[in-house]
Amino acid sequence: MNRFDYVRAGTVAEAVQAVAGGGRFIAGGTNLVDLMKYNVERPGRLVDITRLPLDAIEEHEGGLRLGALVTNATAAHDARIVERYPVLANAILAGASGQLRNAATTGGNLNQRTRCYYFYDEATPCNKREPGSGCPAIGGVNRIHAIFGASDACIATHPSDMCVALAALDAVVRVAGPGGERSIPFADYHRLPGDTPHIDTTLAPDEIVLSVDLPEQDAASHYTYLKLRDRLSYAFALVSVAAVLDLDGDTIRAGRFALGGVAHKPWRNPQAEASLRGKPATAETFEAAAAIVVAEAEPQSGNAFKVELARRAIVRGLSQAAAGTPQSISDKRIA
């Protein structure tokens, strides 16, 4: 680990000023500290933001505003989130471990980096770690890698469970920088790799996440978060699905679903979601939507199984949401 300066910010303005010039924000540190230990991240300055007033969950325009410093555990067990946005609570509880959720924050979860083997191995090339050095995952060990939205420069996936639910809920990220505050629709927050895979988000280097805003919506009854992974304990998703349906009897008024573990960002397909509208909530409808999604898959040599896994997960997740029988988080077996 390299030497670094440490600054504790007392205000948002101080934090923004202190991070300029290559600094990094630190709160829970559940990802950044690991990256520093592996010598993947080498910030010259750490800006401690744990004293900022960003740790509240508040009512906001009919929805909820989650401060950037709200811990994952606090969010998952907040009565308002459990009652009104249970898909988010379930997604958070499906991720990491209890100890990590007690430390990890909302803002940190958004900005966590990939768990690609090559990214963490300083002895191998990695375009995400060192732009232009190559991507050995292409043609290498790529079982956990992307089947959607990848590029010739990078096939890494975004690791978050929480973000998959936030994508399905059409959340909005509120940030601040030297030019003031701005709001970023969640769909626009994370980037696809293109030829700049080292840039994960549209957040500027001198901007800080203030909150994640959950819009007012009926997401309490017909939802699910389905996570498929190699083991039932702490593991990242091979494929996950967050689904929210708005039903009128057995007819779908609207439906949104996002996939995790399959792309550089939580993956949504507007055409597939539109195909649900006005249709009966049946397996046939869900099969058709899943077919639209997987038709765009571009698997690698080691992860072609993810295409069929994603198709089945979409159908299972939408079926659970329609039936009002969400996937159990305490009993992680597939219902």
C-alpha atoms as a PDB file:
ATOM      1  CA  MET A   1       0.000   0.000   0.000  1.00  0.00           C
ATOM      2  CA  ASN A   2       1.375   3.414  -0.969  1.00  0.00           C
ATOM      3  CA  ARG A   3       1.677   6.392   1.364  1.00  0.00           C
ATOM      4  CA  PHE A   4      -1.231   8.846   1.327  1.00  0.00           C
ATOM      5  CA  ASP A   5      -2.540  11.971   3.009  1.00  0.00           C
ATOM      6  CA  TYR A   6      -5.671  11.826   5.140  1.00  0.00           C
ATOM      7  CA  VAL A   7      -8.250  14.616   5.386  1.00  0.00           C
ATOM      8  CA  ARG A   8     -11.528  14.625   7.306  1.00  0.00           C
ATOM      9  CA  ALA A   9     -14.131  16.842   5.649  1.00  0.00           C
ATOM     10  CA  GLY A  10     -16.634  18.777   7.738  1.00  0.00           C
ATOM     11  CA  THR A  11     -18.875  19.944   4.898  1.00  0.00           C
ATOM     12  CA  VAL A  12     -19.739  18.842   1.389  1.00  0.00           C
ATOM     13  CA  ALA A  13     -17.888  21.862   0.000  1.00  0.00           C
ATOM     14  CA  GLU A  14     -14.765  20.909   1.956  1.00  0.00           C
ATOM     15  CA  ALA A  15     -15.012  17.341   0.699  1.00  0.00           C
ATOM     16  CA  VAL A  16     -15.301  18.425  -2.935  1.00  0.00           C
ATOM     17  CA  GLN A  17     -12.368  20.778  -2.577  1.00  0.00           C
ATOM     18  CA  ALA A  18     -10.185  18.202  -0.808  1.00  0.00           C
ATOM     19  CA  VAL A  19     -10.761  15.405  -3.335  1.00  0.00           C
ATOM     20  CA  ALA A  20      -9.598  17.494  -6.305  1.00  0.00           C
ATOM     21  CA  GLY A  21      -6.332  16.416  -7.855  1.00  0.00           C
ATOM     22  CA  GLY A  22      -6.526  12.669  -7.437  1.00  0.00           C
ATOM     23  CA  GLY A  23      -8.032  12.148  -3.991  1.00  0.00           C
ATOM     24  CA  ARG A  24     -10.631   9.517  -3.156  1.00  0.00           C
ATOM     25  CA  PHE A  25     -13.574   9.629  -0.784  1.00  0.00           C
ATOM     26  CA  ILE A  26     -13.704   7.028   1.951  1.00  0.00           C
ATOM     27  CA  ALA A  27     -16.593   6.081   4.243  1.00  0.00           C
ATOM     28  CA  GLY A  28     -17.151   2.370   4.932  1.00  0.00           C
ATOM     29  CA  GLY A  29     -14.076   1.485   2.898  1.00  0.00           C
ATOM     30  CA  THR A  30     -15.294  -2.054   2.225  1.00  0.00           C
ATOM     31  CA  ASN A  31     -14.082  -1.961  -1.388  1.00  0.00           C
ATOM     32  CA  LEU A  32     -11.530   0.867  -1.556  1.00  0.00           C
ATOM     33  CA  VAL A  33      -9.336  -0.431   1.278  1.00  0.00           C
ATOM     34  CA  ASP A  34      -9.134  -3.843  -0.387  1.00  0.00           C
ATOM     35  CA  LEU A  35      -8.159  -2.222  -3.679  1.00  0.00           C
ATOM     36  CA  MET A  36      -5.447  -0.234  -1.928  1.00  0.00           C
ATOM     37  CA  LYS A  37      -4.104  -3.380  -0.259  1.00  0.00           C
ATOM     38  CA  TYR A  38      -3.893  -5.072  -3.654  1.00  0.00           C
ATOM     39  CA  ASN A  39      -2.155  -1.971  -5.044  1.00  0.00           C
ATOM     40  CA  VAL A  40      -4.929  -1.584  -7.627  1.00  0.00           C
ATOM     41  CA  GLU A  41      -5.916   1.849  -6.299  1.00  0.00           C
ATOM     42  CA  ARG A  42      -3.150   4.254  -5.279  1.00  0.00           C
ATOM     43  CA  PRO A  43      -4.807   7.492  -4.139  1.00  0.00           C
ATOM     44  CA  GLY A  44      -2.507  10.204  -2.892  1.00  0.00           C
ATOM     45  CA  ARG A  45      -5.182  11.498  -0.545  1.00  0.00           C
ATOM     46  CA  LEU A  46      -8.125   9.941   1.288  1.00  0.00           C
ATOM     47  CA  VAL A  47     -10.978  12.276   2.133  1.00  0.00           C
ATOM     48  CA  ASP A  48     -12.983  10.942   5.085  1.00  0.00           C
ATOM     49  CA  ILE A  49     -16.644  11.905   4.600  1.00  0.00           C
ATOM     50  CA  THR A  50     -18.133  10.012   7.540  1.00  0.00           C
ATOM     51  CA  ARG A  51     -18.888  13.253   9.439  1.00  0.00           C
ATOM     52  CA  LEU A  52     -21.034  14.724   6.651  1.00  0.00           C
ATOM     53  CA  PRO A  53     -24.810  14.965   7.267  1.00  0.00           C
ATOM     54  CA  LEU A  54     -25.663  12.397   4.587  1.00  0.00           C
ATOM     55  CA  ASP A  55     -26.816   9.484   6.744  1.00  0.00           C
ATOM     56  CA  ALA A  56     -30.590  10.036   6.823  1.00  0.00           C
ATOM     57  CA  ILE A  57     -33.528   8.403   5.044  1.00  0.00           C
ATOM     58  CA  GLU A  58     -36.144  11.072   4.392  1.00  0.00           C
ATOM     59  CA  GLU A  59     -39.470  11.511   2.649  1.00  0.00           C
ATOM     60  CA  HIS A  60     -38.988  13.205  -0.712  1.00  0.00           C
ATOM     61  CA  GLU A  61     -41.642  14.107  -3.303  1.00  0.00           C
ATOM     62  CA  GLY A  62     -43.797  11.117  -2.438  1.00  0.00           C
ATOM     63  CA  GLY A  63     -40.813   8.760  -2.414  1.00  0.00           C
ATOM     64  CA  LEU A  64     -37.743   8.353  -0.238  1.00  0.00           C
ATOM     65  CA  ARG A  65     -34.293   9.954  -0.272  1.00  0.00           C
ATOM     66  CA  LEU A  66     -31.421   7.740   0.894  1.00  0.00           C
ATOM     67  CA  GLY A  67     -28.404   9.701   2.030  1.00  0.00           C
ATOM     68  CA  ALA A  68     -25.103   8.578   0.577  1.00  0.00           C
ATOM     69  CA  LEU A  69     -23.831   7.551   4.027  1.00  0.00           C
ATOM     70  CA  VAL A  70     -26.838   5.403   4.948  1.00  0.00           C
ATOM     71  CA  THR A  71     -25.397   1.962   5.588  1.00  0.00           C
ATOM     72  CA  ASN A  72     -26.668  -1.002   3.636  1.00  0.00           C
ATOM     73  CA  ALA A  73     -27.907  -2.593   6.869  1.00  0.00           C
ATOM     74  CA  THR A  74     -29.844   0.532   7.831  1.00  0.00           C
ATOM     75  CA  ALA A  75     -31.470   0.770   4.403  1.00  0.00           C
ATOM     76  CA  ALA A  76     -32.375  -2.921   4.258  1.00  0.00           C
ATOM     77  CA  HIS A  77     -34.138  -2.826   7.627  1.00  0.00           C
ATOM     78  CA  ASP A  78     -35.782   0.603   7.434  1.00  0.00           C
ATOM     79  CA  ALA A  79     -39.531   0.060   7.836  1.00  0.00           C
ATOM     80  CA  ARG A  80     -40.398   2.481   5.014  1.00  0.00           C
ATOM     81  CA  ILE A  81     -38.130   0.733   2.532  1.00  0.00           C
ATOM     82  CA  VAL A  82     -39.336  -2.707   3.594  1.00  0.00           C
ATOM     83  CA  GLU A  83     -42.954  -1.619   3.184  1.00  0.00           C
ATOM     84  CA  ARG A  84     -42.737   0.505   0.017  1.00  0.00           C
ATOM     85  CA  TYR A  85     -39.621  -0.739  -1.825  1.00  0.00           C
ATOM     86  CA  PRO A  86     -39.136  -4.326  -0.627  1.00  0.00           C
ATOM     87  CA  VAL A  87     -37.263  -5.317  -3.783  1.00  0.00           C
ATOM     88  CA  LEU A  88     -34.501  -2.947  -2.656  1.00  0.00           C
ATOM     89  CA  ALA A  89     -34.419  -4.350   0.872  1.00  0.00           C
ATOM     90  CA  ASN A  90     -34.222  -7.890  -0.496  1.00  0.00           C
ATOM     91  CA  ALA A  91     -31.484  -7.024  -2.986  1.00  0.00           C
ATOM     92  CA  ILE A  92     -29.342  -5.473  -0.260  1.00  0.00           C
ATOM     93  CA  LEU A  93     -29.805  -8.480   2.031  1.00  0.00           C
ATOM     94  CA  ALA A  94     -28.806 -10.794  -0.827  1.00  0.00           C
ATOM     95  CA  GLY A  95     -25.426  -9.078  -1.056  1.00  0.00           C
ATOM     96  CA  ALA A  96     -22.239  -9.381   0.971  1.00  0.00           C
ATOM     97  CA  SER A  97     -22.400 -10.403   4.648  1.00  0.00           C
ATOM     98  CA  GLY A  98     -23.966  -8.863   7.739  1.00  0.00           C
ATOM     99  CA  GLN A  99     -20.627  -7.421   8.832  1.00  0.00           C
ATOM    100  CA  LEU A 100     -20.016  -5.780   5.467  1.00  0.00           C
ATOM    101  CA  ARG A 101     -23.575  -4.406   5.259  1.00  0.00           C
ATOM    102  CA  ASN A 102     -23.050  -2.737   8.642  1.00  0.00           C
ATOM    103  CA  ALA A 103     -20.142  -0.744   7.177  1.00  0.00           C
ATOM    104  CA  ALA A 104     -20.917  -0.370   3.466  1.00  0.00           C
ATOM    105  CA  THR A 105     -22.779   2.771   2.412  1.00  0.00           C
ATOM    106  CA  THR A 106     -25.264   3.708  -0.291  1.00  0.00           C
ATOM    107  CA  GLY A 107     -22.754   5.888  -2.136  1.00  0.00           C
ATOM    108  CA  GLY A 108     -20.015   3.313  -1.830  1.00  0.00           C
ATOM    109  CA  ASN A 109     -22.261   0.573  -3.164  1.00  0.00           C
ATOM    110  CA  LEU A 110     -22.966   2.621  -6.294  1.00  0.00           C
ATOM    111  CA  ASN A 111     -19.267   3.201  -6.887  1.00  0.00           C
ATOM    112  CA  GLN A 112     -17.811  -0.200  -6.048  1.00  0.00           C
ATOM    113  CA  ARG A 113     -15.584  -1.681  -8.712  1.00  0.00           C
ATOM    114  CA  THR A 114     -15.628  -4.966 -10.579  1.00  0.00           C
ATOM    115  CA  ARG A 115     -14.475  -8.232  -9.020  1.00  0.00           C
ATOM    116  CA  CYS A 116     -12.867  -9.430 -12.274  1.00  0.00           C
ATOM    117  CA  TYR A 117      -9.915 -11.684 -11.410  1.00  0.00           C
ATOM    118  CA  TYR A 118      -7.573  -9.850 -13.756  1.00  0.00           C
ATOM    119  CA  PHE A 119      -8.483  -6.423 -12.399  1.00  0.00           C
ATOM    120  CA  TYR A 120      -7.362  -7.537  -8.937  1.00  0.00           C
ATOM    121  CA  ASP A 121      -4.181  -9.239 -10.156  1.00  0.00           C
ATOM    122  CA  GLU A 122      -1.498  -6.615 -10.588  1.00  0.00           C
ATOM    123  CA  ALA A 123       0.690  -9.161 -12.364  1.00  0.00           C
ATOM    124  CA  THR A 124      -1.668  -9.327 -15.354  1.00  0.00           C
ATOM    125  CA  PRO A 125      -2.695  -6.674 -17.903  1.00  0.00           C
ATOM    126  CA  CYS A 126      -6.071  -4.990 -17.438  1.00  0.00           C
ATOM    127  CA  ASN A 127      -7.536  -2.111 -19.422  1.00  0.00           C
ATOM    128  CA  LYS A 128      -9.692  -1.143 -16.457  1.00  0.00           C
ATOM    129  CA  ARG A 129      -6.662  -0.868 -14.211  1.00  0.00           C
ATOM    130  CA  GLU A 130      -4.119   0.311 -16.834  1.00  0.00           C
ATOM    131  CA  PRO A 131      -5.787   1.628 -20.011  1.00  0.00           C
ATOM    132  CA  GLY A 132      -4.265   0.202 -23.171  1.00  0.00           C
ATOM    133  CA  SER A 133      -2.627  -2.802 -21.511  1.00  0.00           C
ATOM    134  CA  GLY A 134      -5.159  -5.363 -22.767  1.00  0.00           C
ATOM    135  CA  CYS A 135      -7.945  -7.597 -21.496  1.00  0.00           C
ATOM    136  CA  PRO A 136      -6.783 -11.151 -20.763  1.00  0.00           C
ATOM    137  CA  ALA A 137     -10.316 -12.131 -19.743  1.00  0.00           C
ATOM    138  CA  ILE A 138     -11.150 -12.146 -23.468  1.00  0.00           C
ATOM    139  CA  GLY A 139     -10.021 -15.615 -24.416  1.00  0.00           C
ATOM    140  CA  GLY A 140      -9.001 -16.334 -20.825  1.00  0.00           C
ATOM    141  CA  VAL A 141     -10.919 -17.330 -17.702  1.00  0.00           C
ATOM    142  CA  ASN A 142     -14.228 -15.534 -18.224  1.00  0.00           C
ATOM    143  CA  ARG A 143     -16.903 -17.597 -16.489  1.00  0.00           C
ATOM    144  CA  ILE A 144     -18.151 -14.640 -14.403  1.00  0.00           C
ATOM    145  CA  HIS A 145     -17.915 -12.041 -17.149  1.00  0.00           C
ATOM    146  CA  ALA A 146     -20.354 -10.031 -19.261  1.00  0.00           C
ATOM    147  CA  ILE A 147     -22.712 -11.313 -21.928  1.00  0.00           C
ATOM    148  CA  PHE A 148     -24.241  -7.881 -22.674  1.00  0.00           C
ATOM    149  CA  GLY A 149     -22.753  -4.487 -23.509  1.00  0.00           C
ATOM    150  CA  ALA A 150     -19.110  -5.563 -23.474  1.00  0.00           C
ATOM    151  CA  SER A 151     -16.398  -4.256 -25.787  1.00  0.00           C
ATOM    152  CA  ASP A 152     -13.078  -5.363 -27.225  1.00  0.00           C
ATOM    153  CA  ALA A 153     -11.463  -3.506 -24.339  1.00  0.00           C
ATOM    154  CA  CYS A 154     -13.329  -4.994 -21.366  1.00  0.00           C
ATOM    155  CA  ILE A 155     -15.845  -7.705 -20.472  1.00  0.00           C
ATOM    156  CA  ALA A 156     -16.018  -7.052 -16.712  1.00  0.00           C
ATOM    157  CA  THR A 157     -19.317  -6.943 -14.825  1.00  0.00           C
ATOM    158  CA  HIS A 158     -20.669  -4.590 -12.179  1.00  0.00           C
ATOM    159  CA  PRO A 159     -20.895  -6.517  -8.885  1.00  0.00           C
ATOM    160  CA  SER A 160     -23.671  -4.751  -6.952  1.00  0.00           C
ATOM    161  CA  ASP A 161     -26.991  -6.303  -5.907  1.00  0.00           C
ATOM    162  CA  MET A 162     -28.382  -3.031  -4.566  1.00  0.00           C
ATOM    163  CA  CYS A 163     -27.822  -1.273  -7.879  1.00  0.00           C
ATOM    164  CA  VAL A 164     -29.829  -3.865  -9.795  1.00  0.00           C
ATOM    165  CA  ALA A 165     -32.874  -3.056  -7.657  1.00  0.00           C
ATOM    166  CA  LEU A 166     -32.246   0.689  -7.928  1.00  0.00           C
ATOM    167  CA  ALA A 167     -32.174   0.345 -11.717  1.00  0.00           C
ATOM    168  CA  ALA A 168     -35.534  -1.457 -11.713  1.00  0.00           C
ATOM    169  CA  LEU A 169     -36.974   1.256  -9.455  1.00  0.00           C
ATOM    170  CA  ASP A 170     -35.855   4.098 -11.771  1.00  0.00           C
ATOM    171  CA  ALA A 171     -33.927   5.751  -8.959  1.00  0.00           C
ATOM    172  CA  VAL A 172     -32.122   9.087  -9.371  1.00  0.00           C
ATOM    173  CA  VAL A 173     -28.618   9.849  -8.074  1.00  0.00           C
ATOM    174  CA  ARG A 174     -28.071  13.332  -6.672  1.00  0.00           C
ATOM    175  CA  VAL A 175     -24.465  14.562  -6.748  1.00  0.00           C
ATOM    176  CA  ALA A 176     -22.532  17.749  -5.996  1.00  0.00           C
ATOM    177  CA  GLY A 177     -19.330  19.216  -7.359  1.00  0.00           C
ATOM    178  CA  PRO A 178     -17.575  22.557  -7.846  1.00  0.00           C
ATOM    179  CA  GLY A 179     -20.377  23.632 -10.194  1.00  0.00           C
ATOM    180  CA  GLY A 180     -23.163  22.815  -7.760  1.00  0.00           C
ATOM    181  CA  GLU A 181     -25.663  19.967  -7.581  1.00  0.00           C
ATOM    182  CA  ARG A 182     -27.104  17.853 -10.379  1.00  0.00           C
ATOM    183  CA  SER A 183     -29.318  14.778 -10.691  1.00  0.00           C
ATOM    184  CA  ILE A 184     -28.431  11.713 -12.762  1.00  0.00           C
ATOM    185  CA  PRO A 185     -31.087   9.145 -13.768  1.00  0.00           C
ATOM    186  CA  PHE A 186     -29.917   5.768 -12.560  1.00  0.00           C
ATOM    187  CA  ALA A 187     -29.874   4.364 -16.085  1.00  0.00           C
ATOM    188  CA  ASP A 188     -27.251   6.987 -16.976  1.00  0.00           C
ATOM    189  CA  TYR A 189     -25.075   6.676 -13.866  1.00  0.00           C
ATOM    190  CA  HIS A 190     -23.043   3.579 -14.756  1.00  0.00           C
ATOM    191  CA  ARG A 191     -21.245   3.379 -18.106  1.00  0.00           C
ATOM    192  CA  LEU A 192     -20.629   0.620 -20.600  1.00  0.00           C
ATOM    193  CA  PRO A 193     -16.903  -0.004 -21.133  1.00  0.00           C
ATOM    194  CA  GLY A 194     -16.461   1.087 -24.750  1.00  0.00           C
ATOM    195  CA  ASP A 195     -12.811   2.032 -25.208  1.00  0.00           C
ATOM    196  CA  THR A 196     -12.568   3.687 -21.751  1.00  0.00           C
ATOM    197  CA  PRO A 197     -13.370   0.840 -19.327  1.00  0.00           C
ATOM    198  CA  HIS A 198     -11.388   2.476 -16.539  1.00  0.00           C
ATOM    199  CA  ILE A 199     -14.228   5.029 -16.197  1.00  0.00           C
ATOM    200  CA  ASP A 200     -17.051   3.229 -14.400  1.00  0.00           C
ATOM    201  CA  THR A 201     -19.613   6.009 -13.975  1.00  0.00           C
ATOM    202  CA  THR A 202     -20.662   9.424 -15.223  1.00  0.00           C
ATOM    203  CA  LEU A 203     -19.705  10.912 -11.846  1.00  0.00           C
ATOM    204  CA  ALA A 204     -16.922  13.474 -12.335  1.00  0.00           C
ATOM    205  CA  PRO A 205     -13.697  12.914 -10.340  1.00  0.00           C
ATOM    206  CA  ASP A 206     -14.432  15.971  -8.193  1.00  0.00           C
ATOM    207  CA  GLU A 207     -18.100  15.180  -7.544  1.00  0.00           C
ATOM    208  CA  ILE A 208     -19.611  13.470  -4.513  1.00  0.00           C
ATOM    209  CA  VAL A 209     -22.801  11.419  -4.243  1.00  0.00           C
ATOM    210  CA  LEU A 210     -25.291  13.121  -1.926  1.00  0.00           C
ATOM    211  CA  SER A 211     -28.267  10.770  -2.116  1.00  0.00           C
ATOM    212  CA  VAL A 212     -30.232   8.232  -4.083  1.00  0.00           C
ATOM    213  CA  ASP A 213     -33.859   9.261  -4.621  1.00  0.00           C
ATOM    214  CA  LEU A 214     -36.569   6.613  -4.944  1.00  0.00           C
ATOM    215  CA  PRO A 215     -39.573   7.926  -6.898  1.00  0.00           C
ATOM    216  CA  GLU A 216     -43.134   7.419  -5.737  1.00  0.00           C
ATOM    217  CA  GLN A 217     -44.515   4.191  -7.197  1.00  0.00           C
ATOM    218  CA  ASP A 218     -46.417   1.023  -6.374  1.00  0.00           C
ATOM    219  CA  ALA A 219     -43.577  -1.435  -5.891  1.00  0.00           C
ATOM    220  CA  ALA A 220     -44.745  -3.149  -2.712  1.00  0.00           C
ATOM    221  CA  SER A 221     -46.774  -6.156  -3.854  1.00  0.00           C
ATOM    222  CA  HIS A 222     -45.551  -7.586  -7.140  1.00  0.00           C
ATOM    223  CA  TYR A 223     -41.781  -7.758  -7.012  1.00  0.00           C
ATOM    224  CA  THR A 224     -38.879 -10.134  -6.594  1.00  0.00           C
ATOM    225  CA  TYR A 225     -35.101 -10.153  -6.337  1.00  0.00           C
ATOM    226  CA  LEU A 226     -33.703 -13.433  -7.601  1.00  0.00           C
ATOM    227  CA  LYS A 227     -29.974 -14.055  -7.239  1.00  0.00           C
ATOM    228  CA  LEU A 228     -28.237 -17.056  -8.788  1.00  0.00           C
ATOM    229  CA  ARG A 229     -24.699 -17.700  -7.581  1.00  0.00           C
ATOM    230  CA  ASP A 230     -22.165 -20.451  -7.028  1.00  0.00           C
ATOM    231  CA  ARG A 231     -22.897 -20.824  -3.319  1.00  0.00           C
ATOM    232  CA  LEU A 232     -25.747 -19.750  -1.045  1.00  0.00           C
ATOM    233  CA  SER A 233     -23.500 -17.847   1.346  1.00  0.00           C
ATOM    234  CA  TYR A 234     -21.572 -14.673   0.488  1.00  0.00           C
ATOM    235  CA  ALA A 235     -21.003 -14.722  -3.291  1.00  0.00           C
ATOM    236  CA  PHE A 236     -21.459 -12.380  -6.230  1.00  0.00           C
ATOM    237  CA  ALA A 237     -24.215 -13.067  -8.739  1.00  0.00           C
ATOM    238  CA  LEU A 238     -23.711 -15.070 -11.881  1.00  0.00           C
ATOM    239  CA  VAL A 239     -27.129 -13.723 -12.880  1.00  0.00           C
ATOM    240  CA  SER A 240     -29.621 -11.766 -10.810  1.00  0.00           C
ATOM    241  CA  VAL A 241     -33.021 -10.252 -11.600  1.00  0.00           C
ATOM    242  CA  ALA A 242     -34.895  -7.407  -9.915  1.00  0.00           C
ATOM    243  CA  ALA A 243     -38.476  -7.272 -11.170  1.00  0.00           C
ATOM    244  CA  VAL A 244     -41.370  -4.945 -10.380  1.00  0.00           C
ATOM    245  CA  LEU A 245     -44.817  -5.310 -11.975  1.00  0.00           C
ATOM    246  CA  ASP A 246     -47.891  -3.063 -11.927  1.00  0.00           C
ATOM    247  CA  LEU A 247     -50.921  -5.307 -12.431  1.00  0.00           C
ATOM    248  CA  ASP A 248     -54.579  -4.679 -13.157  1.00  0.00           C
ATOM    249  CA  GLY A 249     -56.012  -8.036 -12.244  1.00  0.00           C
ATOM    250  CA  ASP A 250     -54.071 -10.445 -14.432  1.00  0.00           C
ATOM    251  CA  THR A 251     -53.080  -7.772 -16.955  1.00  0.00           C
ATOM    252  CA  ILE A 252     -49.700  -6.040 -16.826  1.00  0.00           C
ATOM    253  CA  ARG A 253     -50.063  -2.263 -16.826  1.00  0.00           C
ATOM    254  CA  ALA A 254     -46.295  -1.820 -16.695  1.00  0.00           C
ATOM    255  CA  GLY A 255     -43.244  -3.853 -15.835  1.00  0.00           C
ATOM    256  CA  ARG A 256     -39.586  -3.135 -15.172  1.00  0.00           C
ATOM    257  CA  PHE A 257     -36.771  -5.580 -14.632  1.00  0.00           C
ATOM    258  CA  ALA A 258     -33.012  -5.333 -14.442  1.00  0.00           C
ATOM    259  CA  LEU A 259     -30.306  -7.979 -14.583  1.00  0.00           C
ATOM    260  CA  GLY A 260     -27.123  -8.143 -12.541  1.00  0.00           C
ATOM    261  CA  GLY A 261     -23.931 -10.102 -13.103  1.00  0.00           C
ATOM    262  CA  VAL A 262     -24.201  -9.869 -16.880  1.00  0.00           C
ATOM    263  CA  ALA A 263     -22.878  -6.435 -17.903  1.00  0.00           C
ATOM    264  CA  HIS A 264     -20.703  -3.481 -16.952  1.00  0.00           C
ATOM    265  CA  LYS A 265     -23.843  -1.927 -15.412  1.00  0.00           C
ATOM    266  CA  PRO A 266     -27.270  -3.140 -14.261  1.00  0.00           C
ATOM    267  CA  TRP A 267     -28.837  -4.307 -17.512  1.00  0.00           C
ATOM    268  CA  ARG A 268     -32.297  -3.250 -18.674  1.00  0.00           C
ATOM    269  CA  ASN A 269     -33.932  -3.791 -22.053  1.00  0.00           C
ATOM    270  CA  PRO A 270     -36.640  -1.188 -22.819  1.00  0.00           C
ATOM    271  CA  GLN A 271     -38.018  -3.248 -25.699  1.00  0.00           C
ATOM    272  CA  ALA A 272     -38.499  -6.281 -23.471  1.00  0.00           C
ATOM    273  CA  GLU A 273     -40.152  -4.177 -20.781  1.00  0.00           C
ATOM    274  CA  ALA A 274     -42.473  -2.595 -23.361  1.00  0.00           C
ATOM    275  CA  SER A 275     -43.466  -6.064 -24.559  1.00  0.00           C
ATOM    276  CA  LEU A 276     -45.048  -6.739 -21.157  1.00  0.00           C
ATOM    277  CA  ARG A 277     -47.426  -3.787 -21.313  1.00  0.00           C
ATOM    278  CA  GLY A 278     -51.078  -4.759 -21.745  1.00  0.00           C
ATOM    279  CA  LYS A 279     -50.268  -8.465 -21.805  1.00  0.00           C
ATOM    280  CA  PRO A 280     -51.543 -11.183 -19.448  1.00  0.00           C
ATOM    281  CA  ALA A 281     -49.189 -12.077 -16.619  1.00  0.00           C
ATOM    282  CA  THR A 282     -48.440 -15.555 -17.945  1.00  0.00           C
ATOM    283  CA  ALA A 283     -45.389 -17.688 -18.548  1.00  0.00           C
ATOM    284  CA  GLU A 284     -45.812 -17.142 -22.297  1.00  0.00           C
ATOM    285  CA  THR A 285     -45.623 -13.378 -21.864  1.00  0.00           C
ATOM    286  CA  PHE A 286     -42.534 -13.670 -19.700  1.00  0.00           C
ATOM    287  CA  GLU A 287     -40.876 -16.140 -22.072  1.00  0.00           C
ATOM    288  CA  ALA A 288     -41.343 -13.669 -24.923  1.00  0.00           C
ATOM    289  CA  ALA A 289     -39.798 -10.835 -22.910  1.00  0.00           C
ATOM    290  CA  ALA A 290     -36.862 -13.021 -21.912  1.00  0.00           C
ATOM    291  CA  ALA A 291     -36.302 -14.011 -25.537  1.00  0.00           C
ATOM    292  CA  ILE A 292     -35.985 -10.343 -26.509  1.00  0.00           C
ATOM    293  CA  VAL A 293     -33.318  -9.829 -23.866  1.00  0.00           C
ATOM    294  CA  VAL A 294     -31.142 -12.863 -24.556  1.00  0.00           C
ATOM    295  CA  ALA A 295     -31.275 -12.339 -28.327  1.00  0.00           C
ATOM    296  CA  GLU A 296     -28.674  -9.597 -27.790  1.00  0.00           C
ATOM    297  CA  ALA A 297     -26.304 -11.750 -25.727  1.00  0.00           C
ATOM    298  CA  GLU A 298     -22.694 -12.080 -26.857  1.00  0.00           C
ATOM    299  CA  PRO A 299     -21.175 -14.703 -24.547  1.00  0.00           C
ATOM    300  CA  GLN A 300     -17.514 -15.539 -24.156  1.00  0.00           C
ATOM    301  CA  SER A 301     -15.858 -18.950 -24.373  1.00  0.00           C
ATOM    302  CA  GLY A 302     -16.454 -19.716 -20.700  1.00  0.00           C
ATOM    303  CA  ASN A 303     -19.808 -18.120 -19.915  1.00  0.00           C
ATOM    304  CA  ALA A 304     -22.268 -19.209 -22.611  1.00  0.00           C
ATOM    305  CA  PHE A 305     -24.252 -20.914 -19.844  1.00  0.00           C
ATOM    306  CA  LYS A 306     -25.247 -17.432 -18.631  1.00  0.00           C
ATOM    307  CA  VAL A 307     -27.486 -16.910 -21.667  1.00  0.00           C
ATOM    308  CA  GLU A 308     -29.847 -19.736 -20.747  1.00  0.00           C
ATOM    309  CA  LEU A 309     -29.450 -18.938 -17.053  1.00  0.00           C
ATOM    310  CA  ALA A 310     -30.508 -15.344 -17.709  1.00  0.00           C
ATOM    311  CA  ARG A 311     -33.498 -16.452 -19.786  1.00  0.00           C
ATOM    312  CA  ARG A 312     -34.744 -18.772 -17.073  1.00  0.00           C
ATOM    313  CA  ALA A 313     -34.044 -16.226 -14.338  1.00  0.00           C
ATOM    314  CA  ILE A 314     -36.110 -13.557 -16.115  1.00  0.00           C
ATOM    315  CA  VAL A 315     -39.076 -15.918 -16.497  1.00  0.00           C
ATOM    316  CA  ARG A 316     -38.765 -17.107 -12.891  1.00  0.00           C
ATOM    317  CA  GLY A 317     -38.379 -13.590 -11.510  1.00  0.00           C
ATOM    318  CA  LEU A 318     -41.324 -12.144 -13.432  1.00  0.00           C
ATOM    319  CA  SER A 319     -43.474 -15.154 -12.513  1.00  0.00           C
ATOM    320  CA  GLN A 320     -42.675 -14.709  -8.832  1.00  0.00           C
ATOM    321  CA  ALA A 321     -43.425 -10.989  -9.059  1.00  0.00           C
ATOM    322  CA  ALA A 322     -46.756 -11.600 -10.797  1.00  0.00           C
ATOM    323  CA  ALA A 323     -47.813 -14.204  -8.217  1.00  0.00           C
ATOM    324  CA  GLY A 324     -46.839 -11.977  -5.302  1.00  0.00           C
ATOM    325  CA  THR A 325     -44.464 -14.656  -4.039  1.00  0.00           C
ATOM    326  CA  PRO A 326     -41.072 -12.942  -3.987  1.00  0.00           C
ATOM    327  CA  GLN A 327     -37.902 -14.970  -3.665  1.00  0.00           C
ATOM    328  CA  SER A 328     -37.079 -15.624  -0.009  1.00  0.00           C
ATOM    329  CA  ILE A 329     -33.902 -13.991   1.233  1.00  0.00           C
ATOM    330  CA  SER A 330     -33.701 -15.969   4.492  1.00  0.00           C
ATOM    331  CA  ASP A 331     -34.130 -19.269   2.584  1.00  0.00           C
ATOM    332  CA  LYS A 332     -31.963 -18.707  -0.458  1.00  0.00           C
ATOM    333  CA  ARG A 333     -32.993 -21.837  -2.341  1.00  0.00           C
ATOM    334  CA  ILE A 334     -34.896 -21.139  -5.556  1.00  0.00           C
ATOM    335  CA  ALA A 335     -38.608 -21.346  -4.788  1.00  0.00           C
END
